[in-house]
Amino acid sequence: QVQLVESGGGSVQPGGSLRLSCAASGRIFAITGAAWYRQAPGKQREWVASFITADTATYTDSVKGRFTISGDYARNTVYLQMNSLKPEDTAVYYCRSGNDWGQGTQVTVSA
């Protein structure tokens, strides 16, 4: 059974940084890769970034240059480093691998 567990969310001021983690059991990220999505209040869930290797990382336009997705295969964990955060980044962030989703972690950016 696959389990994805996100952590690292919180509240920060605009311009701040957070690092989200997604730890997997029953899933090998090095084979399947992983992605981050987010859902803001009243909006549909949207894709943020995907990763299999550093060379294949892709990002939605709104986070390019600010967010970095990476993986630690030894720990079977995928990260999302978020810098220069903006209020519009406020959302619940979800990790996805294959057809499996984590429970989400809240990120709030406000002054």
N, C-alpha and C. Protein backbone atom coordinates (compact mmCIF):
# COMPACT_ATOMS: atom_id res chain seq x y z
N GLN A 1 0.85 -1.18 0.00
CA GLN A 1 0.00 0.00 0.00
C GLN A 1 0.89 1.24 0.00
N VAL A 2 0.57 2.16 -0.90
CA VAL A 2 1.36 3.38 -1.02
C VAL A 2 0.85 4.43 -0.04
N GLN A 3 1.78 5.08 0.64
CA GLN A 3 1.44 6.19 1.53
C GLN A 3 2.38 7.34 1.26
N LEU A 4 1.80 8.52 1.02
CA LEU A 4 2.57 9.73 0.82
C LEU A 4 2.23 10.68 1.96
N VAL A 5 3.25 11.20 2.63
CA VAL A 5 3.03 12.07 3.78
C VAL A 5 3.78 13.37 3.57
N GLU A 6 3.02 14.46 3.47
CA GLU A 6 3.62 15.78 3.30
C GLU A 6 3.87 16.43 4.65
N SER A 7 4.85 17.30 4.69
CA SER A 7 5.13 18.09 5.89
C SER A 7 5.86 19.36 5.46
N GLY A 8 5.98 20.30 6.39
CA GLY A 8 6.75 21.50 6.13
C GLY A 8 5.94 22.75 5.86
N GLY A 9 4.62 22.62 5.80
CA GLY A 9 3.80 23.80 5.57
C GLY A 9 3.82 24.72 6.78
N GLY A 10 3.23 25.90 6.62
CA GLY A 10 3.18 26.85 7.71
C GLY A 10 2.78 28.21 7.21
N SER A 11 2.97 29.21 8.05
CA SER A 11 2.64 30.59 7.73
C SER A 11 3.92 31.40 7.63
N VAL A 12 4.03 32.18 6.57
CA VAL A 12 5.20 33.03 6.37
C VAL A 12 4.76 34.37 5.81
N GLN A 13 5.63 35.35 5.92
CA GLN A 13 5.37 36.66 5.32
C GLN A 13 5.77 36.64 3.85
N PRO A 14 5.21 37.53 3.07
CA PRO A 14 5.64 37.63 1.66
C PRO A 14 7.15 37.80 1.56
N GLY A 15 7.74 37.09 0.62
CA GLY A 15 9.19 37.10 0.47
C GLY A 15 9.88 36.01 1.24
N GLY A 16 9.16 35.32 2.10
CA GLY A 16 9.75 34.27 2.90
C GLY A 16 9.90 32.96 2.13
N SER A 17 10.39 31.95 2.85
CA SER A 17 10.67 30.65 2.25
C SER A 17 10.11 29.53 3.11
N LEU A 18 9.77 28.44 2.45
CA LEU A 18 9.38 27.19 3.11
C LEU A 18 9.91 26.04 2.28
N ARG A 19 10.15 24.92 2.95
CA ARG A 19 10.49 23.70 2.22
C ARG A 19 9.50 22.62 2.60
N LEU A 20 8.79 22.13 1.61
CA LEU A 20 7.85 21.04 1.80
C LEU A 20 8.55 19.70 1.54
N SER A 21 8.15 18.70 2.28
CA SER A 21 8.67 17.35 2.09
C SER A 21 7.53 16.39 1.82
N CYS A 22 7.81 15.39 1.01
CA CYS A 22 6.84 14.32 0.74
C CYS A 22 7.59 13.00 0.88
N ALA A 23 7.29 12.29 1.94
CA ALA A 23 7.93 11.01 2.20
C ALA A 23 7.01 9.88 1.75
N ALA A 24 7.59 8.90 1.05
CA ALA A 24 6.78 7.82 0.49
C ALA A 24 7.13 6.48 1.09
N SER A 25 6.11 5.69 1.28
CA SER A 25 6.30 4.27 1.59
C SER A 25 5.53 3.47 0.55
N GLY A 26 6.09 2.36 0.14
CA GLY A 26 5.44 1.56 -0.89
C GLY A 26 5.55 2.15 -2.27
N ARG A 27 6.38 3.14 -2.44
CA ARG A 27 6.55 3.79 -3.74
C ARG A 27 8.02 4.19 -3.86
N ILE A 28 8.59 3.94 -5.03
CA ILE A 28 9.97 4.33 -5.25
C ILE A 28 9.99 5.50 -6.21
N PHE A 29 10.27 6.68 -5.67
CA PHE A 29 10.24 7.89 -6.48
C PHE A 29 11.22 7.83 -7.64
N ALA A 30 12.33 7.14 -7.44
CA ALA A 30 13.34 7.09 -8.50
C ALA A 30 12.79 6.43 -9.76
N ILE A 31 11.77 5.64 -9.61
CA ILE A 31 11.16 4.96 -10.75
C ILE A 31 9.94 5.71 -11.26
N THR A 32 9.08 6.14 -10.36
CA THR A 32 7.80 6.72 -10.77
C THR A 32 7.80 8.23 -10.82
N GLY A 33 8.74 8.88 -10.13
CA GLY A 33 8.71 10.33 -10.05
C GLY A 33 7.62 10.82 -9.12
N ALA A 34 7.52 12.13 -9.00
CA ALA A 34 6.53 12.73 -8.13
C ALA A 34 6.20 14.12 -8.62
N ALA A 35 5.11 14.65 -8.13
CA ALA A 35 4.68 15.99 -8.49
C ALA A 35 4.05 16.67 -7.30
N TRP A 36 4.08 17.98 -7.33
CA TRP A 36 3.38 18.79 -6.34
C TRP A 36 2.23 19.52 -7.02
N TYR A 37 1.12 19.56 -6.34
CA TYR A 37 -0.06 20.31 -6.76
C TYR A 37 -0.45 21.23 -5.60
N ARG A 38 -1.33 22.18 -5.90
CA ARG A 38 -1.85 23.02 -4.83
C ARG A 38 -3.30 23.40 -5.14
N GLN A 39 -4.02 23.67 -4.07
CA GLN A 39 -5.42 24.08 -4.21
C GLN A 39 -5.69 25.24 -3.27
N ALA A 40 -5.97 26.38 -3.87
CA ALA A 40 -6.31 27.56 -3.09
C ALA A 40 -7.80 27.56 -2.79
N PRO A 41 -8.24 28.28 -1.76
CA PRO A 41 -9.66 28.31 -1.41
C PRO A 41 -10.51 28.78 -2.59
N GLY A 42 -11.53 28.01 -2.90
CA GLY A 42 -12.45 28.37 -3.97
C GLY A 42 -11.93 28.13 -5.37
N LYS A 43 -10.74 27.51 -5.48
CA LYS A 43 -10.15 27.26 -6.80
C LYS A 43 -9.92 25.78 -7.02
N GLN A 44 -9.73 25.42 -8.28
CA GLN A 44 -9.43 24.03 -8.61
C GLN A 44 -7.98 23.72 -8.26
N ARG A 45 -7.73 22.45 -8.03
CA ARG A 45 -6.37 22.01 -7.77
C ARG A 45 -5.55 22.22 -9.03
N GLU A 46 -4.34 22.73 -8.88
CA GLU A 46 -3.48 22.98 -10.04
C GLU A 46 -2.10 22.34 -9.84
N TRP A 47 -1.52 21.95 -10.96
CA TRP A 47 -0.19 21.38 -10.95
C TRP A 47 0.84 22.47 -10.70
N VAL A 48 1.87 22.16 -9.91
CA VAL A 48 2.92 23.12 -9.58
C VAL A 48 4.26 22.70 -10.18
N ALA A 49 4.67 21.44 -9.95
CA ALA A 49 5.99 21.01 -10.41
C ALA A 49 6.03 19.49 -10.46
N SER A 50 6.89 18.96 -11.33
CA SER A 50 7.07 17.51 -11.45
C SER A 50 8.55 17.18 -11.46
N PHE A 51 8.87 15.97 -11.04
CA PHE A 51 10.27 15.57 -10.89
C PHE A 51 10.43 14.07 -11.02
N ILE A 52 11.40 13.67 -11.86
CA ILE A 52 11.94 12.31 -11.80
C ILE A 52 13.43 12.40 -11.51
N THR A 53 14.09 13.25 -12.27
CA THR A 53 15.47 13.59 -11.98
C THR A 53 15.60 15.11 -12.08
N ALA A 54 16.71 15.64 -11.63
CA ALA A 54 16.90 17.09 -11.69
C ALA A 54 16.80 17.60 -13.13
N ASP A 55 17.21 16.77 -14.07
CA ASP A 55 17.19 17.20 -15.47
C ASP A 55 15.78 17.24 -16.04
N THR A 56 14.86 16.58 -15.39
CA THR A 56 13.49 16.51 -15.93
C THR A 56 12.51 17.33 -15.13
N ALA A 57 12.98 18.13 -14.19
CA ALA A 57 12.06 18.93 -13.38
C ALA A 57 11.35 19.96 -14.24
N THR A 58 10.07 20.10 -14.05
CA THR A 58 9.27 21.09 -14.78
C THR A 58 8.39 21.83 -13.79
N TYR A 59 8.02 23.06 -14.18
CA TYR A 59 7.29 23.95 -13.28
C TYR A 59 6.19 24.70 -14.01
N THR A 60 5.13 25.01 -13.29
CA THR A 60 4.16 25.92 -13.86
C THR A 60 4.78 27.32 -13.90
N ASP A 61 4.33 28.14 -14.85
CA ASP A 61 4.99 29.42 -15.08
C ASP A 61 5.02 30.32 -13.85
N SER A 62 3.98 30.28 -13.06
CA SER A 62 3.88 31.21 -11.93
C SER A 62 4.91 30.97 -10.83
N VAL A 63 5.57 29.80 -10.83
CA VAL A 63 6.55 29.51 -9.78
C VAL A 63 7.97 29.37 -10.31
N LYS A 64 8.14 29.46 -11.62
CA LYS A 64 9.48 29.32 -12.20
C LYS A 64 10.41 30.37 -11.62
N GLY A 65 11.62 29.93 -11.26
CA GLY A 65 12.60 30.83 -10.68
C GLY A 65 12.44 31.04 -9.19
N ARG A 66 11.34 30.58 -8.62
CA ARG A 66 11.10 30.73 -7.18
C ARG A 66 11.04 29.38 -6.46
N PHE A 67 10.50 28.38 -7.11
CA PHE A 67 10.35 27.06 -6.49
C PHE A 67 11.33 26.08 -7.13
N THR A 68 11.80 25.13 -6.33
CA THR A 68 12.67 24.08 -6.83
C THR A 68 12.21 22.74 -6.28
N ILE A 69 11.95 21.80 -7.19
CA ILE A 69 11.58 20.46 -6.79
C ILE A 69 12.82 19.58 -6.86
N SER A 70 13.00 18.73 -5.87
CA SER A 70 14.18 17.85 -5.84
C SER A 70 13.83 16.58 -5.09
N GLY A 71 14.74 15.61 -5.17
CA GLY A 71 14.47 14.34 -4.51
C GLY A 71 15.70 13.77 -3.83
N ASP A 72 15.47 13.06 -2.77
CA ASP A 72 16.51 12.31 -2.07
C ASP A 72 16.10 10.84 -2.17
N TYR A 73 16.67 10.14 -3.13
CA TYR A 73 16.25 8.77 -3.35
C TYR A 73 16.59 7.86 -2.18
N ALA A 74 17.68 8.15 -1.48
CA ALA A 74 18.04 7.33 -0.33
C ALA A 74 16.97 7.39 0.75
N ARG A 75 16.32 8.56 0.87
CA ARG A 75 15.26 8.73 1.86
C ARG A 75 13.87 8.54 1.24
N ASN A 76 13.82 8.30 -0.06
CA ASN A 76 12.55 8.19 -0.78
C ASN A 76 11.65 9.38 -0.46
N THR A 77 12.23 10.54 -0.57
CA THR A 77 11.53 11.78 -0.22
C THR A 77 11.73 12.80 -1.33
N VAL A 78 10.66 13.51 -1.64
CA VAL A 78 10.70 14.59 -2.62
C VAL A 78 10.44 15.90 -1.89
N TYR A 79 11.12 16.95 -2.31
CA TYR A 79 11.02 18.25 -1.65
C TYR A 79 10.51 19.31 -2.62
N LEU A 80 9.94 20.34 -2.06
CA LEU A 80 9.61 21.53 -2.83
C LEU A 80 10.12 22.73 -2.04
N GLN A 81 11.23 23.30 -2.51
CA GLN A 81 11.77 24.50 -1.89
C GLN A 81 11.06 25.70 -2.50
N MET A 82 10.45 26.49 -1.65
CA MET A 82 9.67 27.63 -2.11
C MET A 82 10.28 28.91 -1.56
N ASN A 83 10.78 29.74 -2.45
CA ASN A 83 11.39 31.01 -2.08
C ASN A 83 10.57 32.17 -2.64
N SER A 84 10.82 33.35 -2.12
CA SER A 84 10.12 34.56 -2.58
C SER A 84 8.62 34.34 -2.63
N LEU A 85 8.09 33.79 -1.57
CA LEU A 85 6.68 33.46 -1.53
C LEU A 85 5.80 34.69 -1.63
N LYS A 86 4.66 34.51 -2.29
CA LYS A 86 3.70 35.58 -2.50
C LYS A 86 2.36 35.18 -1.89
N PRO A 87 1.51 36.15 -1.57
CA PRO A 87 0.20 35.79 -1.03
C PRO A 87 -0.58 34.84 -1.94
N GLU A 88 -0.40 34.96 -3.24
CA GLU A 88 -1.12 34.08 -4.16
C GLU A 88 -0.61 32.65 -4.15
N ASP A 89 0.47 32.39 -3.42
CA ASP A 89 0.94 31.01 -3.25
C ASP A 89 0.19 30.29 -2.12
N THR A 90 -0.63 31.03 -1.40
CA THR A 90 -1.40 30.43 -0.31
C THR A 90 -2.31 29.33 -0.85
N ALA A 91 -2.18 28.14 -0.29
CA ALA A 91 -2.95 26.99 -0.75
C ALA A 91 -2.62 25.78 0.11
N VAL A 92 -3.38 24.74 -0.09
CA VAL A 92 -3.00 23.43 0.44
C VAL A 92 -2.17 22.76 -0.65
N TYR A 93 -0.99 22.31 -0.28
CA TYR A 93 -0.07 21.69 -1.23
C TYR A 93 -0.11 20.17 -1.07
N TYR A 94 -0.23 19.48 -2.21
CA TYR A 94 -0.36 18.04 -2.22
C TYR A 94 0.78 17.41 -3.01
N CYS A 95 1.24 16.29 -2.54
CA CYS A 95 2.20 15.46 -3.25
C CYS A 95 1.44 14.36 -3.98
N ARG A 96 1.88 14.09 -5.20
CA ARG A 96 1.26 13.04 -5.99
C ARG A 96 2.35 12.17 -6.62
N SER A 97 2.12 10.86 -6.64
CA SER A 97 2.99 9.93 -7.36
C SER A 97 2.11 8.84 -7.95
N GLY A 98 2.13 8.72 -9.26
CA GLY A 98 1.21 7.80 -9.91
C GLY A 98 -0.22 8.25 -9.66
N ASN A 99 -1.06 7.38 -9.17
CA ASN A 99 -2.44 7.72 -8.85
C ASN A 99 -2.65 7.98 -7.37
N ASP A 100 -1.58 8.11 -6.63
CA ASP A 100 -1.66 8.26 -5.18
C ASP A 100 -1.37 9.71 -4.76
N TRP A 101 -2.11 10.15 -3.76
CA TRP A 101 -2.00 11.52 -3.25
C TRP A 101 -1.72 11.50 -1.75
N GLY A 102 -1.01 12.54 -1.31
CA GLY A 102 -0.87 12.74 0.12
C GLY A 102 -2.08 13.48 0.67
N GLN A 103 -2.02 13.77 1.97
CA GLN A 103 -3.15 14.40 2.64
C GLN A 103 -3.13 15.91 2.52
N GLY A 104 -2.01 16.47 2.11
CA GLY A 104 -1.89 17.91 1.93
C GLY A 104 -1.28 18.60 3.14
N THR A 105 -0.64 19.73 2.87
CA THR A 105 -0.08 20.56 3.92
C THR A 105 -0.37 22.03 3.59
N GLN A 106 -0.82 22.79 4.58
CA GLN A 106 -1.26 24.15 4.36
C GLN A 106 -0.07 25.11 4.30
N VAL A 107 -0.07 25.97 3.28
CA VAL A 107 0.90 27.06 3.18
C VAL A 107 0.12 28.37 3.14
N THR A 108 0.44 29.26 4.05
CA THR A 108 -0.22 30.55 4.11
C THR A 108 0.82 31.65 4.05
N VAL A 109 0.65 32.56 3.09
CA VAL A 109 1.57 33.68 2.91
C VAL A 109 0.79 34.97 3.12
N SER A 110 1.11 35.67 4.18
CA SER A 110 0.41 36.93 4.49
C SER A 110 1.29 37.81 5.33
N ALA A 111 1.04 39.13 5.23
CA ALA A 111 1.85 40.12 5.97
C ALA A 111 1.45 40.15 7.43
